[in-house]
Amino acid sequence: MRLPLIPRETKFFPLFVADAANIVAASRMLEQMLREYGERERLASQIRDAEHTGDQMSHDIGHMLEDTFVTPFDREDMLALVSRLDDVLDFIEEVADTFILYGIEEPTQVAIEQSEIIVRQCEQIQEALASLSSFKGIERFWIEIHRLENEGDRVVRRAIAGLFKENDPISVVKWKDVYTLLESTIDACEDVANVIERIVVKHA
């Protein structure tokens, strides 16, 4: 006799979407901070608040996972997704703090371009997670996130090559750190896309 399937808990999907929405908000604040640099202290503070909110969301999802018997997809993939989303938010906060701590007087166009890429990637992540419950029609989101990561690689390689034409070694060190952190944020978004792809492939 065939036993009925145990229903999988679906309450996690809205939580992942809410987590991604918080990341999108933080990424947009980072871009706004670089475009409206006179407001950097205020916006950096708001990004820190978003990071604290994200930490709480991650803890809530983790606790819920401990209390859930049947998960919507593999438990280790859920933990990986939460962790990778948290990484993106941590990097966004670190970028904002670095601009303040390094006393950078004005962002470069390259940094602004990198922040734009991060926003677009985060938006794709949110859309992918909003569709995740069906495990269908999501491939276009991770493809776009990968494309954006490649675009980010080209931008940062060009920028770092240009740094070595500078005469001020301190400026070179500062901007290399900033560009690398922004690139790490772009890479972290791709890591999220990789987890989403793995989840979808398993349920194809």
N, C-alpha and C. Protein backbone atom coordinates (compact mmCIF):
# COMPACT_ATOMS: atom_id res chain seq x y z
N MET A 1 0.84 -1.20 0.00
CA MET A 1 0.00 0.00 0.00
C MET A 1 0.88 1.26 0.00
N ARG A 2 0.58 2.19 -0.89
CA ARG A 2 1.37 3.41 -0.98
C ARG A 2 0.96 4.42 0.07
N LEU A 3 1.93 4.94 0.80
CA LEU A 3 1.62 5.94 1.82
C LEU A 3 1.52 7.32 1.17
N PRO A 4 0.62 8.15 1.66
CA PRO A 4 0.54 9.51 1.10
C PRO A 4 1.81 10.28 1.40
N LEU A 5 2.16 11.16 0.48
CA LEU A 5 3.35 11.98 0.69
C LEU A 5 3.13 12.95 1.84
N ILE A 6 4.17 13.13 2.65
CA ILE A 6 4.10 14.13 3.71
C ILE A 6 4.28 15.50 3.08
N PRO A 7 3.36 16.43 3.32
CA PRO A 7 3.49 17.75 2.68
C PRO A 7 4.75 18.46 3.16
N ARG A 8 5.42 19.11 2.23
CA ARG A 8 6.61 19.86 2.58
C ARG A 8 6.23 21.26 3.07
N GLU A 9 6.96 21.75 4.05
CA GLU A 9 6.68 23.05 4.64
C GLU A 9 7.05 24.16 3.65
N THR A 10 6.08 25.01 3.34
CA THR A 10 6.31 26.06 2.34
C THR A 10 6.52 27.44 2.97
N LYS A 11 6.49 27.51 4.29
CA LYS A 11 6.58 28.83 4.93
C LYS A 11 7.96 29.48 4.75
N PHE A 12 8.95 28.69 4.32
CA PHE A 12 10.29 29.24 4.14
C PHE A 12 10.39 30.16 2.93
N PHE A 13 9.61 29.90 1.89
CA PHE A 13 9.76 30.67 0.66
C PHE A 13 9.54 32.17 0.86
N PRO A 14 8.48 32.60 1.57
CA PRO A 14 8.33 34.04 1.80
C PRO A 14 9.46 34.64 2.64
N LEU A 15 10.05 33.81 3.51
CA LEU A 15 11.16 34.31 4.33
C LEU A 15 12.40 34.56 3.48
N PHE A 16 12.66 33.67 2.53
CA PHE A 16 13.78 33.89 1.62
C PHE A 16 13.57 35.14 0.78
N VAL A 17 12.34 35.35 0.33
CA VAL A 17 12.03 36.54 -0.47
C VAL A 17 12.22 37.80 0.37
N ALA A 18 11.77 37.76 1.63
CA ALA A 18 11.93 38.92 2.51
C ALA A 18 13.41 39.20 2.77
N ASP A 19 14.19 38.15 2.95
CA ASP A 19 15.63 38.30 3.15
C ASP A 19 16.25 38.96 1.92
N ALA A 20 15.87 38.49 0.74
CA ALA A 20 16.40 39.07 -0.50
C ALA A 20 15.97 40.52 -0.67
N ALA A 21 14.74 40.83 -0.29
CA ALA A 21 14.25 42.21 -0.40
C ALA A 21 15.07 43.15 0.48
N ASN A 22 15.46 42.67 1.64
CA ASN A 22 16.30 43.46 2.54
C ASN A 22 17.68 43.70 1.90
N ILE A 23 18.20 42.69 1.20
CA ILE A 23 19.48 42.82 0.53
C ILE A 23 19.38 43.81 -0.63
N VAL A 24 18.28 43.73 -1.38
CA VAL A 24 18.07 44.69 -2.47
C VAL A 24 18.06 46.12 -1.91
N ALA A 25 17.36 46.31 -0.79
CA ALA A 25 17.29 47.64 -0.18
C ALA A 25 18.69 48.12 0.21
N ALA A 26 19.50 47.23 0.79
CA ALA A 26 20.85 47.60 1.20
C ALA A 26 21.72 47.94 -0.02
N SER A 27 21.57 47.16 -1.08
CA SER A 27 22.37 47.42 -2.29
C SER A 27 22.00 48.77 -2.90
N ARG A 28 20.72 49.09 -2.89
CA ARG A 28 20.29 50.39 -3.43
C ARG A 28 20.80 51.53 -2.56
N MET A 29 20.85 51.31 -1.25
CA MET A 29 21.40 52.34 -0.37
C MET A 29 22.89 52.55 -0.64
N LEU A 30 23.60 51.46 -0.95
CA LEU A 30 25.02 51.59 -1.27
C LEU A 30 25.20 52.41 -2.54
N GLU A 31 24.42 52.10 -3.56
CA GLU A 31 24.53 52.89 -4.79
C GLU A 31 24.17 54.35 -4.53
N GLN A 32 23.11 54.58 -3.76
CA GLN A 32 22.71 55.95 -3.44
C GLN A 32 23.82 56.67 -2.67
N MET A 33 24.47 55.94 -1.76
CA MET A 33 25.56 56.52 -0.98
C MET A 33 26.67 57.03 -1.89
N LEU A 34 27.00 56.25 -2.93
CA LEU A 34 28.09 56.64 -3.82
C LEU A 34 27.66 57.76 -4.75
N ARG A 35 26.38 57.86 -5.04
CA ARG A 35 25.89 58.92 -5.92
C ARG A 35 25.61 60.22 -5.16
N GLU A 36 25.25 60.08 -3.89
CA GLU A 36 24.95 61.24 -3.05
C GLU A 36 25.92 61.21 -1.87
N TYR A 37 27.19 61.40 -2.18
CA TYR A 37 28.25 61.09 -1.22
C TYR A 37 28.23 61.99 0.01
N GLY A 38 27.60 63.13 -0.12
CA GLY A 38 27.47 63.99 1.05
C GLY A 38 26.61 63.37 2.14
N GLU A 39 25.81 62.37 1.77
CA GLU A 39 24.94 61.67 2.72
C GLU A 39 25.53 60.34 3.17
N ARG A 40 26.83 60.16 2.98
CA ARG A 40 27.43 58.84 3.20
C ARG A 40 27.31 58.33 4.63
N GLU A 41 27.45 59.20 5.61
CA GLU A 41 27.36 58.75 7.01
C GLU A 41 25.96 58.22 7.31
N ARG A 42 24.96 58.95 6.88
CA ARG A 42 23.57 58.54 7.12
C ARG A 42 23.26 57.22 6.41
N LEU A 43 23.66 57.12 5.15
CA LEU A 43 23.35 55.92 4.37
C LEU A 43 24.15 54.71 4.85
N ALA A 44 25.39 54.94 5.27
CA ALA A 44 26.19 53.83 5.83
C ALA A 44 25.53 53.30 7.10
N SER A 45 24.97 54.21 7.90
CA SER A 45 24.27 53.80 9.11
C SER A 45 23.02 52.97 8.77
N GLN A 46 22.30 53.37 7.74
CA GLN A 46 21.12 52.63 7.32
C GLN A 46 21.49 51.24 6.78
N ILE A 47 22.63 51.18 6.10
CA ILE A 47 23.10 49.88 5.61
C ILE A 47 23.44 48.97 6.78
N ARG A 48 24.06 49.52 7.83
CA ARG A 48 24.34 48.71 9.02
C ARG A 48 23.05 48.20 9.64
N ASP A 49 22.02 49.04 9.67
CA ASP A 49 20.72 48.60 10.19
C ASP A 49 20.16 47.45 9.36
N ALA A 50 20.30 47.55 8.04
CA ALA A 50 19.82 46.49 7.15
C ALA A 50 20.59 45.19 7.40
N GLU A 51 21.89 45.32 7.68
CA GLU A 51 22.70 44.13 7.95
C GLU A 51 22.24 43.47 9.25
N HIS A 52 21.90 44.26 10.26
CA HIS A 52 21.39 43.69 11.51
C HIS A 52 20.05 43.01 11.27
N THR A 53 19.21 43.62 10.45
CA THR A 53 17.92 43.01 10.11
C THR A 53 18.15 41.67 9.40
N GLY A 54 19.10 41.65 8.48
CA GLY A 54 19.42 40.41 7.77
C GLY A 54 19.92 39.32 8.71
N ASP A 55 20.74 39.70 9.68
CA ASP A 55 21.22 38.72 10.67
C ASP A 55 20.05 38.10 11.42
N GLN A 56 19.08 38.95 11.81
CA GLN A 56 17.92 38.44 12.54
C GLN A 56 17.09 37.50 11.66
N MET A 57 16.93 37.86 10.39
CA MET A 57 16.21 36.99 9.47
C MET A 57 16.90 35.63 9.34
N SER A 58 18.23 35.66 9.23
CA SER A 58 18.99 34.41 9.11
C SER A 58 18.79 33.54 10.35
N HIS A 59 18.83 34.17 11.53
CA HIS A 59 18.62 33.42 12.78
C HIS A 59 17.22 32.83 12.82
N ASP A 60 16.23 33.62 12.40
CA ASP A 60 14.85 33.14 12.43
C ASP A 60 14.67 31.94 11.50
N ILE A 61 15.26 32.03 10.30
CA ILE A 61 15.15 30.91 9.36
C ILE A 61 15.86 29.68 9.93
N GLY A 62 17.03 29.90 10.54
CA GLY A 62 17.77 28.79 11.13
C GLY A 62 16.99 28.10 12.23
N HIS A 63 16.37 28.89 13.12
CA HIS A 63 15.58 28.30 14.21
C HIS A 63 14.37 27.56 13.66
N MET A 64 13.72 28.13 12.65
CA MET A 64 12.57 27.48 12.05
C MET A 64 12.97 26.15 11.40
N LEU A 65 14.14 26.16 10.81
CA LEU A 65 14.64 24.95 10.16
C LEU A 65 14.86 23.84 11.18
N GLU A 66 15.34 24.21 12.36
CA GLU A 66 15.56 23.23 13.41
C GLU A 66 14.26 22.58 13.85
N ASP A 67 13.15 23.32 13.76
CA ASP A 67 11.86 22.83 14.24
C ASP A 67 11.00 22.22 13.13
N THR A 68 11.55 22.13 11.92
CA THR A 68 10.77 21.64 10.78
C THR A 68 11.24 20.26 10.38
N PHE A 69 10.29 19.33 10.27
CA PHE A 69 10.63 17.95 9.95
C PHE A 69 10.84 17.75 8.44
N VAL A 70 9.91 18.23 7.65
CA VAL A 70 9.99 18.06 6.19
C VAL A 70 10.19 19.44 5.56
N THR A 71 11.35 19.65 4.97
CA THR A 71 11.70 20.95 4.38
C THR A 71 11.37 20.96 2.88
N PRO A 72 11.18 22.15 2.29
CA PRO A 72 10.80 22.22 0.88
C PRO A 72 11.88 21.75 -0.08
N PHE A 73 13.14 21.81 0.35
CA PHE A 73 14.25 21.22 -0.39
C PHE A 73 15.33 20.87 0.61
N ASP A 74 16.42 20.29 0.14
CA ASP A 74 17.43 19.73 1.03
C ASP A 74 17.87 20.73 2.10
N ARG A 75 17.96 20.23 3.31
CA ARG A 75 18.30 21.06 4.45
C ARG A 75 19.66 21.76 4.26
N GLU A 76 20.64 21.02 3.73
CA GLU A 76 21.96 21.63 3.56
C GLU A 76 21.92 22.75 2.52
N ASP A 77 21.05 22.61 1.52
CA ASP A 77 20.92 23.68 0.53
C ASP A 77 20.22 24.90 1.12
N MET A 78 19.30 24.67 2.03
CA MET A 78 18.64 25.80 2.70
C MET A 78 19.65 26.56 3.55
N LEU A 79 20.48 25.83 4.27
CA LEU A 79 21.49 26.48 5.09
C LEU A 79 22.50 27.23 4.22
N ALA A 80 22.86 26.62 3.09
CA ALA A 80 23.81 27.28 2.17
C ALA A 80 23.20 28.56 1.60
N LEU A 81 21.91 28.52 1.27
CA LEU A 81 21.25 29.70 0.72
C LEU A 81 21.22 30.84 1.75
N VAL A 82 20.86 30.52 2.97
CA VAL A 82 20.85 31.53 4.03
C VAL A 82 22.24 32.12 4.23
N SER A 83 23.24 31.25 4.25
CA SER A 83 24.62 31.71 4.48
C SER A 83 25.12 32.59 3.34
N ARG A 84 24.83 32.20 2.10
CA ARG A 84 25.30 32.99 0.96
C ARG A 84 24.59 34.34 0.89
N LEU A 85 23.30 34.37 1.21
CA LEU A 85 22.58 35.65 1.25
C LEU A 85 23.19 36.56 2.31
N ASP A 86 23.52 35.97 3.45
CA ASP A 86 24.13 36.74 4.53
C ASP A 86 25.49 37.30 4.11
N ASP A 87 26.24 36.52 3.32
CA ASP A 87 27.55 36.98 2.84
C ASP A 87 27.40 38.25 1.99
N VAL A 88 26.39 38.27 1.11
CA VAL A 88 26.19 39.45 0.25
C VAL A 88 25.97 40.69 1.11
N LEU A 89 25.12 40.55 2.11
CA LEU A 89 24.80 41.69 2.97
C LEU A 89 26.01 42.13 3.78
N ASP A 90 26.79 41.17 4.25
CA ASP A 90 28.02 41.50 5.00
C ASP A 90 28.99 42.29 4.13
N PHE A 91 29.14 41.88 2.88
CA PHE A 91 30.05 42.59 1.98
C PHE A 91 29.54 44.00 1.69
N ILE A 92 28.24 44.15 1.49
CA ILE A 92 27.69 45.49 1.24
C ILE A 92 27.99 46.42 2.41
N GLU A 93 27.80 45.91 3.62
CA GLU A 93 28.10 46.71 4.81
C GLU A 93 29.59 47.03 4.87
N GLU A 94 30.43 46.05 4.56
CA GLU A 94 31.88 46.27 4.63
C GLU A 94 32.33 47.31 3.61
N VAL A 95 31.74 47.28 2.42
CA VAL A 95 32.07 48.29 1.42
C VAL A 95 31.74 49.69 1.93
N ALA A 96 30.51 49.84 2.44
CA ALA A 96 30.08 51.16 2.94
C ALA A 96 30.99 51.64 4.06
N ASP A 97 31.32 50.75 5.00
CA ASP A 97 32.19 51.12 6.12
C ASP A 97 33.59 51.48 5.64
N THR A 98 34.08 50.79 4.62
CA THR A 98 35.43 51.05 4.12
C THR A 98 35.54 52.44 3.52
N PHE A 99 34.52 52.88 2.81
CA PHE A 99 34.53 54.24 2.28
C PHE A 99 34.67 55.26 3.41
N ILE A 100 33.99 55.01 4.52
CA ILE A 100 34.05 55.93 5.66
C ILE A 100 35.41 55.82 6.35
N LEU A 101 35.84 54.59 6.65
CA LEU A 101 37.07 54.38 7.42
C LEU A 101 38.30 54.84 6.67
N TYR A 102 38.30 54.70 5.36
CA TYR A 102 39.45 55.12 4.56
C TYR A 102 39.43 56.62 4.27
N GLY A 103 38.39 57.28 4.68
CA GLY A 103 38.31 58.72 4.46
C GLY A 103 38.33 59.10 2.99
N ILE A 104 37.68 58.30 2.19
CA ILE A 104 37.66 58.55 0.75
C ILE A 104 36.82 59.79 0.48
N GLU A 105 37.41 60.72 -0.25
CA GLU A 105 36.76 62.02 -0.45
C GLU A 105 35.66 61.98 -1.49
N GLU A 106 35.83 61.13 -2.50
CA GLU A 106 34.84 61.07 -3.58
C GLU A 106 34.92 59.72 -4.27
N PRO A 107 33.80 59.06 -4.52
CA PRO A 107 33.84 57.77 -5.22
C PRO A 107 34.19 57.95 -6.69
N THR A 108 34.80 56.94 -7.26
CA THR A 108 35.11 56.97 -8.69
C THR A 108 33.91 56.46 -9.49
N GLN A 109 33.94 56.72 -10.78
CA GLN A 109 32.89 56.21 -11.66
C GLN A 109 32.90 54.68 -11.68
N VAL A 110 34.08 54.10 -11.56
CA VAL A 110 34.18 52.63 -11.53
C VAL A 110 33.43 52.06 -10.32
N ALA A 111 33.64 52.67 -9.15
CA ALA A 111 32.95 52.20 -7.95
C ALA A 111 31.44 52.31 -8.11
N ILE A 112 30.99 53.37 -8.71
CA ILE A 112 29.55 53.54 -8.95
C ILE A 112 29.05 52.46 -9.91
N GLU A 113 29.82 52.18 -10.96
CA GLU A 113 29.43 51.12 -11.90
C GLU A 113 29.34 49.78 -11.20
N GLN A 114 30.30 49.50 -10.32
CA GLN A 114 30.27 48.23 -9.58
C GLN A 114 29.04 48.17 -8.68
N SER A 115 28.70 49.28 -8.04
CA SER A 115 27.52 49.28 -7.17
C SER A 115 26.24 49.06 -7.98
N GLU A 116 26.20 49.58 -9.20
CA GLU A 116 25.05 49.36 -10.08
C GLU A 116 24.90 47.87 -10.41
N ILE A 117 26.03 47.22 -10.68
CA ILE A 117 26.01 45.79 -10.98
C ILE A 117 25.48 45.01 -9.79
N ILE A 118 25.91 45.38 -8.59
CA ILE A 118 25.44 44.71 -7.38
C ILE A 118 23.94 44.85 -7.22
N VAL A 119 23.41 46.04 -7.46
CA VAL A 119 21.96 46.25 -7.36
C VAL A 119 21.23 45.35 -8.34
N ARG A 120 21.70 45.30 -9.57
CA ARG A 120 21.03 44.49 -10.60
C ARG A 120 21.10 43.01 -10.24
N GLN A 121 22.22 42.56 -9.71
CA GLN A 121 22.33 41.17 -9.29
C GLN A 121 21.36 40.86 -8.14
N CYS A 122 21.30 41.76 -7.17
CA CYS A 122 20.42 41.53 -6.02
C CYS A 122 18.95 41.50 -6.44
N GLU A 123 18.59 42.33 -7.39
CA GLU A 123 17.23 42.32 -7.91
C GLU A 123 16.92 40.99 -8.59
N GLN A 124 17.89 40.46 -9.32
CA GLN A 124 17.71 39.15 -9.96
C GLN A 124 17.57 38.04 -8.92
N ILE A 125 18.34 38.13 -7.85
CA ILE A 125 18.23 37.15 -6.76
C ILE A 125 16.83 37.18 -6.16
N GLN A 126 16.33 38.39 -5.89
CA GLN A 126 14.99 38.50 -5.31
C GLN A 126 13.94 37.88 -6.24
N GLU A 127 14.04 38.17 -7.53
CA GLU A 127 13.07 37.62 -8.48
C GLU A 127 13.17 36.10 -8.55
N ALA A 128 14.40 35.59 -8.52
CA ALA A 128 14.59 34.14 -8.55
C ALA A 128 13.96 33.48 -7.33
N LEU A 129 14.17 34.06 -6.16
CA LEU A 129 13.62 33.48 -4.93
C LEU A 129 12.10 33.60 -4.89
N ALA A 130 11.56 34.65 -5.51
CA ALA A 130 10.10 34.79 -5.58
C ALA A 130 9.47 33.68 -6.42
N SER A 131 10.27 33.10 -7.33
CA SER A 131 9.77 32.03 -8.21
C SER A 131 10.22 30.64 -7.75
N LEU A 132 10.98 30.57 -6.67
CA LEU A 132 11.64 29.32 -6.30
C LEU A 132 10.66 28.21 -5.92
N SER A 133 9.53 28.55 -5.37
CA SER A 133 8.60 27.52 -4.90
C SER A 133 8.12 26.60 -6.01
N SER A 134 8.13 27.08 -7.25
CA SER A 134 7.70 26.25 -8.38
C SER A 134 8.86 25.46 -8.98
N PHE A 135 10.10 25.89 -8.66
CA PHE A 135 11.31 25.28 -9.22
C PHE A 135 11.33 25.35 -10.75
N LYS A 136 10.61 26.31 -11.31
CA LYS A 136 10.53 26.42 -12.77
C LYS A 136 10.73 27.87 -13.20
N GLY A 137 11.25 28.04 -14.42
CA GLY A 137 11.38 29.37 -15.01
C GLY A 137 12.40 30.26 -14.33
N ILE A 138 13.39 29.65 -13.67
CA ILE A 138 14.33 30.43 -12.86
C ILE A 138 15.69 30.57 -13.55
N GLU A 139 15.92 29.74 -14.55
CA GLU A 139 17.24 29.71 -15.18
C GLU A 139 17.67 31.09 -15.68
N ARG A 140 16.72 31.87 -16.20
CA ARG A 140 17.08 33.18 -16.76
C ARG A 140 17.67 34.11 -15.70
N PHE A 141 17.29 33.92 -14.45
CA PHE A 141 17.80 34.79 -13.39
C PHE A 141 19.28 34.49 -13.09
N TRP A 142 19.62 33.21 -12.94
CA TRP A 142 21.02 32.92 -12.63
C TRP A 142 21.92 33.16 -13.84
N ILE A 143 21.38 33.00 -15.04
CA ILE A 143 22.17 33.32 -16.23
C ILE A 143 22.52 34.81 -16.24
N GLU A 144 21.55 35.66 -15.90
CA GLU A 144 21.80 37.10 -15.87
C GLU A 144 22.76 37.47 -14.75
N ILE A 145 22.66 36.81 -13.61
CA ILE A 145 23.59 37.08 -12.51
C ILE A 145 25.02 36.72 -12.92
N HIS A 146 25.19 35.61 -13.62
CA HIS A 146 26.52 35.22 -14.11
C HIS A 146 27.02 36.24 -15.14
N ARG A 147 26.14 36.68 -16.01
CA ARG A 147 26.54 37.67 -17.03
C ARG A 147 27.00 38.95 -16.35
N LEU A 148 26.29 39.38 -15.34
CA LEU A 148 26.66 40.59 -14.61
C LEU A 148 27.99 40.41 -13.89
N GLU A 149 28.25 39.21 -13.39
CA GLU A 149 29.54 38.96 -12.73
C GLU A 149 30.67 39.09 -13.74
N ASN A 150 30.46 38.59 -14.95
CA ASN A 150 31.48 38.74 -15.99
C ASN A 150 31.70 40.22 -16.34
N GLU A 151 30.60 40.97 -16.38
CA GLU A 151 30.70 42.41 -16.63
C GLU A 151 31.50 43.08 -15.51
N GLY A 152 31.25 42.67 -14.28
CA GLY A 152 31.99 43.21 -13.15
C GLY A 152 33.47 42.90 -13.22
N ASP A 153 33.81 41.70 -13.70
CA ASP A 153 35.23 41.33 -13.86
C ASP A 153 35.92 42.29 -14.83
N ARG A 154 35.25 42.57 -15.93
CA ARG A 154 35.86 43.46 -16.94
C ARG A 154 36.07 44.86 -16.36
N VAL A 155 35.07 45.34 -15.62
CA VAL A 155 35.15 46.69 -15.04
C VAL A 155 36.31 46.78 -14.06
N VAL A 156 36.44 45.79 -13.16
CA VAL A 156 37.45 45.88 -12.11
C VAL A 156 38.85 45.65 -12.67
N ARG A 157 38.99 44.78 -13.67
CA ARG A 157 40.33 44.59 -14.27
C ARG A 157 40.83 45.89 -14.89
N ARG A 158 39.93 46.56 -15.59
CA ARG A 158 40.30 47.83 -16.22
C ARG A 158 40.66 48.87 -15.16
N ALA A 159 39.90 48.88 -14.08
CA ALA A 159 40.12 49.87 -13.02
C ALA A 159 41.45 49.64 -12.30
N ILE A 160 41.74 48.38 -11.97
CA ILE A 160 42.97 48.08 -11.23
C ILE A 160 44.19 48.33 -12.11
N ALA A 161 44.07 48.03 -13.40
CA ALA A 161 45.17 48.33 -14.32
C ALA A 161 45.43 49.84 -14.35
N GLY A 162 44.36 50.63 -14.32
CA GLY A 162 44.50 52.08 -14.32
C GLY A 162 45.12 52.63 -13.05
N LEU A 163 44.96 51.91 -11.94
CA LEU A 163 45.50 52.38 -10.66
C LEU A 163 47.02 52.53 -10.70
N PHE A 164 47.67 51.67 -11.44
CA PHE A 164 49.13 51.67 -11.41
C PHE A 164 49.73 52.81 -12.23
N LYS A 165 48.85 53.64 -12.78
CA LYS A 165 49.33 54.88 -13.40
C LYS A 165 49.32 56.04 -12.40
N GLU A 166 48.76 55.74 -11.19
CA GLU A 166 48.70 56.76 -10.14
C GLU A 166 50.08 56.97 -9.53
N ASN A 167 50.33 58.18 -9.03
CA ASN A 167 51.60 58.49 -8.38
C ASN A 167 51.54 58.36 -6.86
N ASP A 168 50.31 58.33 -6.32
CA ASP A 168 50.15 58.28 -4.86
C ASP A 168 49.95 56.83 -4.42
N PRO A 169 50.95 56.22 -3.78
CA PRO A 169 50.84 54.80 -3.39
C PRO A 169 49.72 54.54 -2.39
N ILE A 170 49.44 55.50 -1.52
CA ILE A 170 48.36 55.31 -0.54
C ILE A 170 47.02 55.25 -1.25
N SER A 171 46.84 56.12 -2.23
CA SER A 171 45.61 56.11 -3.01
C SER A 171 45.44 54.78 -3.76
N VAL A 172 46.54 54.27 -4.29
CA VAL A 172 46.50 52.98 -5.00
C VAL A 172 46.02 51.87 -4.07
N VAL A 173 46.59 51.83 -2.86
CA VAL A 173 46.22 50.79 -1.89
C VAL A 173 44.75 50.92 -1.50
N LYS A 174 44.32 52.14 -1.22
CA LYS A 174 42.93 52.36 -0.81
C LYS A 174 41.96 51.89 -1.89
N TRP A 175 42.20 52.33 -3.13
CA TRP A 175 41.24 52.02 -4.19
C TRP A 175 41.31 50.56 -4.61
N LYS A 176 42.48 49.95 -4.52
CA LYS A 176 42.56 48.52 -4.81
C LYS A 176 41.71 47.74 -3.81
N ASP A 177 41.78 48.12 -2.53
CA ASP A 177 40.96 47.48 -1.50
C ASP A 177 39.47 47.67 -1.79
N VAL A 178 39.08 48.89 -2.13
CA VAL A 178 37.68 49.19 -2.37
C VAL A 178 37.17 48.41 -3.58
N TYR A 179 37.91 48.46 -4.68
CA TYR A 179 37.49 47.74 -5.88
C TYR A 179 37.39 46.23 -5.63
N THR A 180 38.35 45.72 -4.86
CA THR A 180 38.35 44.28 -4.57
C THR A 180 37.15 43.90 -3.71
N LEU A 181 36.81 44.75 -2.75
CA LEU A 181 35.63 44.48 -1.91
C LEU A 181 34.34 44.51 -2.73
N LEU A 182 34.24 45.48 -3.62
CA LEU A 182 33.06 45.55 -4.48
C LEU A 182 32.99 44.32 -5.39
N GLU A 183 34.13 43.89 -5.90
CA GLU A 183 34.17 42.69 -6.73
C GLU A 183 33.81 41.45 -5.91
N SER A 184 34.24 41.39 -4.66
CA SER A 184 33.88 40.28 -3.78
C SER A 184 32.37 40.23 -3.55
N THR A 185 31.75 41.40 -3.47
CA THR A 185 30.29 41.46 -3.32
C THR A 185 29.60 40.91 -4.57
N ILE A 186 30.12 41.28 -5.73
CA ILE A 186 29.58 40.77 -7.00
C ILE A 186 29.75 39.25 -7.05
N ASP A 187 30.91 38.75 -6.62
CA ASP A 187 31.15 37.30 -6.60
C ASP A 187 30.21 36.61 -5.61
N ALA A 188 29.93 37.26 -4.48
CA ALA A 188 29.03 36.67 -3.48
C ALA A 188 27.62 36.53 -4.05
N CYS A 189 27.20 37.49 -4.87
CA CYS A 189 25.89 37.36 -5.53
C CYS A 189 25.87 36.16 -6.47
N GLU A 190 26.99 35.94 -7.16
CA GLU A 190 27.08 34.77 -8.04
C GLU A 190 27.02 33.48 -7.22
N ASP A 191 27.60 33.50 -6.02
CA ASP A 191 27.53 32.32 -5.15
C ASP A 191 26.08 31.99 -4.80
N VAL A 192 25.28 33.02 -4.55
CA VAL A 192 23.85 32.80 -4.30
C VAL A 192 23.19 32.15 -5.52
N ALA A 193 23.52 32.68 -6.69
CA ALA A 193 22.96 32.12 -7.94
C ALA A 193 23.33 30.65 -8.09
N ASN A 194 24.56 30.30 -7.72
CA ASN A 194 25.00 28.90 -7.83
C ASN A 194 24.20 27.99 -6.91
N VAL A 195 23.89 28.47 -5.71
CA VAL A 195 23.07 27.67 -4.79
C VAL A 195 21.66 27.50 -5.35
N ILE A 196 21.09 28.59 -5.85
CA ILE A 196 19.74 28.51 -6.44
C ILE A 196 19.73 27.53 -7.60
N GLU A 197 20.75 27.60 -8.45
CA GLU A 197 20.83 26.68 -9.59
C GLU A 197 20.90 25.23 -9.11
N ARG A 198 21.70 24.98 -8.08
CA ARG A 198 21.82 23.61 -7.55
C ARG A 198 20.48 23.11 -7.02
N ILE A 199 19.76 23.97 -6.33
CA ILE A 199 18.45 23.58 -5.79
C ILE A 199 17.49 23.22 -6.92
N VAL A 200 17.44 24.07 -7.94
CA VAL A 200 16.50 23.86 -9.05
C VAL A 200 16.85 22.60 -9.82
N VAL A 201 18.15 22.37 -10.07
CA VAL A 201 18.58 21.18 -10.80
C VAL A 201 18.17 19.91 -10.06
N LYS A 202 18.28 19.94 -8.75
CA LYS A 202 17.90 18.76 -7.97
C LYS A 202 16.41 18.45 -8.07
N HIS A 203 15.61 19.51 -8.32
CA HIS A 203 14.14 19.32 -8.37
C HIS A 203 13.60 19.33 -9.78
N ALA A 204 14.50 19.32 -10.76
CA ALA A 204 14.05 19.34 -12.16
C ALA A 204 13.37 18.03 -12.53
